């Protein structure tokens, strides 16, 4: 059974930084493309960033490029999301997701329905 556990959320002032971590257990981590999504209050879940199973081809929501960085450590079954220059509109619950793309190790899916496994989410609150 594949399980994802996020950590690192919290409250920060605008302009600050936070780093989120997601540890995956079960399966072979490098088989999974990994993604981050977020859901703000009263809104649907939106794509943030994704990275392929072998760690290449990071892909971002256009408006987040330059502020957010996704990376992974396959030796530690961990995917990270570094968030810099945070803005109040970044306030949301952030979710980690995994999709099995062992036959396409360079694929970086950007849609919710392309991921099979999800974490429980971690709250990020940015105050102005």
Foldseek 3Di string as FASTA:
>chain_A
DKAKAKDWADEEAAQAKTKMKIAIDDDQLLQKKKFKWWDDPPGDIFGAWIAFSVFDDIDGDVVQPPFWDWTADSVRRMIMIIGGRDDQVVWTWMKMFIAGNNVCRGDTDGDPVRTDYIHPTDTHGYHD
